[in-house]
Each structure stands twice: as structure tokens, then as C-alpha cells.
Amino acid sequence: MSEPTLFAQLGGEPALRTILEDFYGRVYRDAMIGYFFTPHDQARLVQRELEFTAQVLGARDIPYTGQGMRAVHAKHPIRRGHFHRRNRILEQTLRAHAVPEPVFQAWMAHARQLEVAILGAPGVRATHCDHPLQADGEVTPQDP
């Protein structure tokens, strides 16, 4: 018998939705980065993030229907400090929900990869995210 996916270890879609609703509530209220988000429909962002994160955590039955990460974020003047703040809020939210450590570690590692994919490494232009949901260009499905 195979080990459950990180998505299953988290508790599936209901648990992920609860965490993301809390996370985006915190982000929208945050004085440092909330202004990036407030013009956007929070429920829609939660849904896209749910699709994306479900894929990252190994869900095979929840397709990602959004655009590539680079395309979505290109129009925003995001600085590295903004991304660090987002990741700190994510970390606090995951801890508040007692996310299992393997899920926490994988989720945070991917959040750090997205920073590099969207902003590039210091002094290096980013070209892609090391995940099947490419940060620039078309979304590609995960291999079965």
C-alpha cells in the first residue's frame, strides 16, 4: 500500500480550504501587503490557491485553472520583502492550523521556490518554477 499524499495527510480539500481562507483573511488585513490583494475577489483567490496548492501537495483530481505564476504576478510591483511577508503569514497560518510537519515543510519549500520563480534569485532573472505548474508560460499537467 502506498503512503498517503501530502494532500491526504493535510485532510484533503476541506482542510486546505479552511487553511487558505484563514491565510487570505490574514493577508487581506496585513498592513504591509494587503493592498496588493484588496482589489481582488478573495473567494476567487482562495479557489485558485486551493487548486494550485492541492497540485503541489499531490492531489490528482483537482485541476489548476489559473494562469502561470509569472503572468499573474507580472503586473504587480512585488519586492522581495513583500514576498517574505507573505511567506511569514503563510508559516504562521500553517502553524496555527497544526499542519503536519511533512506537509508544512513541503508547502514552505514550494513557497520559497515561487519567490525565486516570480522575482528571480538576487541578480538572476527567473525563468521557471521547479514544479509542473510552470511559473511562466502554460500550465503543464503533472505526470501520473
C-alpha atoms as a PDB file:
ATOM      1  CA  MET A   1       0.000   0.000   0.000  1.00  0.00           C
ATOM      2  CA  SER A   2       1.349   3.423  -0.924  1.00  0.00           C
ATOM      3  CA  GLU A   3       1.869   6.235   1.545  1.00  0.00           C
ATOM      4  CA  PRO A   4      -0.878   8.895   1.523  1.00  0.00           C
ATOM      5  CA  THR A   5      -0.126  12.083  -0.379  1.00  0.00           C
ATOM      6  CA  LEU A   6       0.693  15.252   1.498  1.00  0.00           C
ATOM      7  CA  PHE A   7      -2.743  16.450   0.392  1.00  0.00           C
ATOM      8  CA  ALA A   8      -4.367  13.469   2.119  1.00  0.00           C
ATOM      9  CA  GLN A   9      -2.171  13.915   5.201  1.00  0.00           C
ATOM     10  CA  LEU A  10      -3.412  17.501   5.428  1.00  0.00           C
ATOM     11  CA  GLY A  11      -7.043  16.371   5.400  1.00  0.00           C
ATOM     12  CA  GLY A  12      -7.933  16.911   1.748  1.00  0.00           C
ATOM     13  CA  GLU A  13      -9.894  19.743   0.217  1.00  0.00           C
ATOM     14  CA  PRO A  14     -11.937  20.748   3.305  1.00  0.00           C
ATOM     15  CA  ALA A  15      -8.818  21.233   5.446  1.00  0.00           C
ATOM     16  CA  LEU A  16      -6.944  23.006   2.665  1.00  0.00           C
ATOM     17  CA  ARG A  17      -9.864  25.390   2.046  1.00  0.00           C
ATOM     18  CA  THR A  18     -10.122  26.230   5.762  1.00  0.00           C
ATOM     19  CA  ILE A  19      -6.398  26.991   5.952  1.00  0.00           C
ATOM     20  CA  LEU A  20      -6.417  29.096   2.794  1.00  0.00           C
ATOM     21  CA  GLU A  21      -9.474  31.084   3.858  1.00  0.00           C
ATOM     22  CA  ASP A  22      -7.685  31.913   7.111  1.00  0.00           C
ATOM     23  CA  PHE A  23      -4.434  32.690   5.258  1.00  0.00           C
ATOM     24  CA  TYR A  24      -6.078  35.070   2.800  1.00  0.00           C
ATOM     25  CA  GLY A  25      -8.055  36.710   5.599  1.00  0.00           C
ATOM     26  CA  ARG A  26      -4.730  37.453   7.292  1.00  0.00           C
ATOM     27  CA  VAL A  27      -3.141  38.622   4.050  1.00  0.00           C
ATOM     28  CA  TYR A  28      -6.026  40.954   3.187  1.00  0.00           C
ATOM     29  CA  ARG A  29      -5.786  42.542   6.653  1.00  0.00           C
ATOM     30  CA  ASP A  30      -1.997  42.851   6.610  1.00  0.00           C
ATOM     31  CA  ALA A  31      -0.679  46.434   6.599  1.00  0.00           C
ATOM     32  CA  MET A  32       2.423  45.535   4.565  1.00  0.00           C
ATOM     33  CA  ILE A  33       0.933  43.519   1.706  1.00  0.00           C
ATOM     34  CA  GLY A  34      -2.844  43.662   1.998  1.00  0.00           C
ATOM     35  CA  TYR A  35      -3.109  46.469  -0.550  1.00  0.00           C
ATOM     36  CA  PHE A  36      -1.884  44.075  -3.278  1.00  0.00           C
ATOM     37  CA  PHE A  37      -4.848  41.814  -2.598  1.00  0.00           C
ATOM     38  CA  THR A  38      -7.790  44.020  -1.638  1.00  0.00           C
ATOM     39  CA  PRO A  39      -8.730  44.937  -5.237  1.00  0.00           C
ATOM     40  CA  HIS A  40      -9.180  41.218  -5.997  1.00  0.00           C
ATOM     41  CA  ASP A  41     -12.025  38.845  -5.190  1.00  0.00           C
ATOM     42  CA  GLN A  42     -10.875  36.941  -2.113  1.00  0.00           C
ATOM     43  CA  ALA A  43     -13.034  33.854  -2.796  1.00  0.00           C
ATOM     44  CA  ARG A  44     -11.569  33.582  -6.302  1.00  0.00           C
ATOM     45  CA  LEU A  45      -8.002  33.853  -4.976  1.00  0.00           C
ATOM     46  CA  VAL A  46      -8.723  31.182  -2.373  1.00  0.00           C
ATOM     47  CA  GLN A  47     -10.062  28.893  -5.103  1.00  0.00           C
ATOM     48  CA  ARG A  48      -7.028  29.387  -7.390  1.00  0.00           C
ATOM     49  CA  GLU A  49      -4.643  28.905  -4.463  1.00  0.00           C
ATOM     50  CA  LEU A  50      -6.556  25.782  -3.442  1.00  0.00           C
ATOM     51  CA  GLU A  51      -6.186  24.334  -6.933  1.00  0.00           C
ATOM     52  CA  PHE A  52      -2.507  25.242  -7.092  1.00  0.00           C
ATOM     53  CA  THR A  53      -1.603  24.048  -3.603  1.00  0.00           C
ATOM     54  CA  ALA A  54      -3.611  20.839  -3.984  1.00  0.00           C
ATOM     55  CA  GLN A  55      -1.459  20.018  -7.011  1.00  0.00           C
ATOM     56  CA  VAL A  56       1.727  20.884  -5.129  1.00  0.00           C
ATOM     57  CA  LEU A  57       0.672  18.555  -2.305  1.00  0.00           C
ATOM     58  CA  GLY A  58      -0.057  15.657  -4.661  1.00  0.00           C
ATOM     59  CA  ALA A  59      -3.793  15.869  -5.394  1.00  0.00           C
ATOM     60  CA  ARG A  60      -4.510  14.420  -8.812  1.00  0.00           C
ATOM     61  CA  ASP A  61      -8.219  15.169  -9.030  1.00  0.00           C
ATOM     62  CA  ILE A  62      -8.187  18.961  -8.571  1.00  0.00           C
ATOM     63  CA  PRO A  63      -7.029  20.720 -11.751  1.00  0.00           C
ATOM     64  CA  TYR A  64      -5.393  24.131 -11.680  1.00  0.00           C
ATOM     65  CA  THR A  65      -7.453  26.517 -13.823  1.00  0.00           C
ATOM     66  CA  GLY A  66      -5.433  29.706 -13.340  1.00  0.00           C
ATOM     67  CA  GLN A  67      -2.672  31.342 -15.340  1.00  0.00           C
ATOM     68  CA  GLY A  68       1.037  30.776 -14.875  1.00  0.00           C
ATOM     69  CA  MET A  69       2.501  32.396 -11.761  1.00  0.00           C
ATOM     70  CA  ARG A  70       4.759  34.788 -13.628  1.00  0.00           C
ATOM     71  CA  ALA A  71       1.911  36.079 -15.801  1.00  0.00           C
ATOM     72  CA  VAL A  72      -0.363  36.602 -12.794  1.00  0.00           C
ATOM     73  CA  HIS A  73       2.231  38.498 -10.770  1.00  0.00           C
ATOM     74  CA  ALA A  74       3.992  40.462 -13.523  1.00  0.00           C
ATOM     75  CA  LYS A  75       1.681  43.472 -13.289  1.00  0.00           C
ATOM     76  CA  HIS A  76       2.348  43.982  -9.571  1.00  0.00           C
ATOM     77  CA  PRO A  77       5.390  45.842  -8.193  1.00  0.00           C
ATOM     78  CA  ILE A  78       6.285  42.985  -5.842  1.00  0.00           C
ATOM     79  CA  ARG A  79       9.528  43.324  -3.915  1.00  0.00           C
ATOM     80  CA  ARG A  80      11.397  40.614  -2.095  1.00  0.00           C
ATOM     81  CA  GLY A  81      10.246  41.971   1.284  1.00  0.00           C
ATOM     82  CA  HIS A  82       6.613  41.632   0.195  1.00  0.00           C
ATOM     83  CA  PHE A  83       7.194  38.017  -0.680  1.00  0.00           C
ATOM     84  CA  HIS A  84       8.956  37.381   2.626  1.00  0.00           C
ATOM     85  CA  ARG A  85       5.985  38.891   4.454  1.00  0.00           C
ATOM     86  CA  ARG A  86       3.583  36.637   2.518  1.00  0.00           C
ATOM     87  CA  ASN A  87       5.650  33.595   3.408  1.00  0.00           C
ATOM     88  CA  ARG A  88       5.785  34.617   7.072  1.00  0.00           C
ATOM     89  CA  ILE A  89       1.987  34.926   7.163  1.00  0.00           C
ATOM     90  CA  LEU A  90       1.734  31.537   5.453  1.00  0.00           C
ATOM     91  CA  GLU A  91       4.070  29.994   8.034  1.00  0.00           C
ATOM     92  CA  GLN A  92       2.058  31.478  10.911  1.00  0.00           C
ATOM     93  CA  THR A  93      -1.193  30.241   9.383  1.00  0.00           C
ATOM     94  CA  LEU A  94       0.109  26.717   8.840  1.00  0.00           C
ATOM     95  CA  ARG A  95       1.378  26.579  12.427  1.00  0.00           C
ATOM     96  CA  ALA A  96      -1.947  27.908  13.752  1.00  0.00           C
ATOM     97  CA  HIS A  97      -3.705  25.031  11.972  1.00  0.00           C
ATOM     98  CA  ALA A  98      -1.223  22.420  13.261  1.00  0.00           C
ATOM     99  CA  VAL A  99      -0.374  21.294   9.739  1.00  0.00           C
ATOM    100  CA  PRO A 100       1.596  18.013   9.851  1.00  0.00           C
ATOM    101  CA  GLU A 101       5.333  18.676   9.675  1.00  0.00           C
ATOM    102  CA  PRO A 102       5.950  16.903   6.317  1.00  0.00           C
ATOM    103  CA  VAL A 103       3.156  18.971   4.739  1.00  0.00           C
ATOM    104  CA  PHE A 104       4.442  22.154   6.387  1.00  0.00           C
ATOM    105  CA  GLN A 105       7.986  21.581   5.117  1.00  0.00           C
ATOM    106  CA  ALA A 106       6.888  20.807   1.548  1.00  0.00           C
ATOM    107  CA  TRP A 107       4.465  23.733   1.411  1.00  0.00           C
ATOM    108  CA  MET A 108       7.002  26.232   2.721  1.00  0.00           C
ATOM    109  CA  ALA A 109       9.743  24.884   0.435  1.00  0.00           C
ATOM    110  CA  HIS A 110       7.465  25.406  -2.528  1.00  0.00           C
ATOM    111  CA  ALA A 111       6.559  28.918  -1.334  1.00  0.00           C
ATOM    112  CA  ARG A 112      10.275  29.753  -1.317  1.00  0.00           C
ATOM    113  CA  GLN A 113      10.651  28.304  -4.836  1.00  0.00           C
ATOM    114  CA  LEU A 114       7.822  30.518  -6.032  1.00  0.00           C
ATOM    115  CA  GLU A 115       9.646  33.572  -4.746  1.00  0.00           C
ATOM    116  CA  VAL A 116      12.611  32.724  -6.946  1.00  0.00           C
ATOM    117  CA  ALA A 117      10.350  31.802  -9.873  1.00  0.00           C
ATOM    118  CA  ILE A 118       8.403  35.064  -9.685  1.00  0.00           C
ATOM    119  CA  LEU A 119      11.117  37.504  -8.600  1.00  0.00           C
ATOM    120  CA  GLY A 120      14.254  35.643  -9.658  1.00  0.00           C
ATOM    121  CA  ALA A 121      17.226  34.908  -7.482  1.00  0.00           C
ATOM    122  CA  PRO A 122      19.115  38.046  -6.499  1.00  0.00           C
ATOM    123  CA  GLY A 123      20.938  39.090  -9.663  1.00  0.00           C
ATOM    124  CA  VAL A 124      19.375  36.301 -11.775  1.00  0.00           C
ATOM    125  CA  ARG A 125      16.260  36.543 -13.916  1.00  0.00           C
ATOM    126  CA  ALA A 126      13.773  33.753 -13.136  1.00  0.00           C
ATOM    127  CA  THR A 127      12.715  31.524 -15.982  1.00  0.00           C
ATOM    128  CA  HIS A 128      10.529  28.889 -14.359  1.00  0.00           C
ATOM    129  CA  CYS A 129       9.251  27.285 -11.221  1.00  0.00           C
ATOM    130  CA  ASP A 130      10.559  23.808 -10.496  1.00  0.00           C
ATOM    131  CA  HIS A 131       7.036  22.425 -10.451  1.00  0.00           C
ATOM    132  CA  PRO A 132       4.711  21.136 -13.180  1.00  0.00           C
ATOM    133  CA  LEU A 133       2.576  24.273 -12.802  1.00  0.00           C
ATOM    134  CA  GLN A 134       5.128  26.456 -14.513  1.00  0.00           C
ATOM    135  CA  ALA A 135       5.651  29.973 -13.222  1.00  0.00           C
ATOM    136  CA  ASP A 136       5.883  31.369 -16.720  1.00  0.00           C
ATOM    137  CA  GLY A 137       4.033  30.068 -19.704  1.00  0.00           C
ATOM    138  CA  GLU A 138       1.398  27.392 -19.898  1.00  0.00           C
ATOM    139  CA  VAL A 139       0.280  25.211 -17.066  1.00  0.00           C
ATOM    140  CA  THR A 140       1.529  21.692 -17.622  1.00  0.00           C
ATOM    141  CA  PRO A 141      -0.126  18.665 -16.048  1.00  0.00           C
ATOM    142  CA  GLN A 142       1.675  16.519 -13.524  1.00  0.00           C
ATOM    143  CA  ASP A 143       2.840  13.141 -14.694  1.00  0.00           C
ATOM    144  CA  PRO A 144       0.688  10.328 -13.317  1.00  0.00           C
END
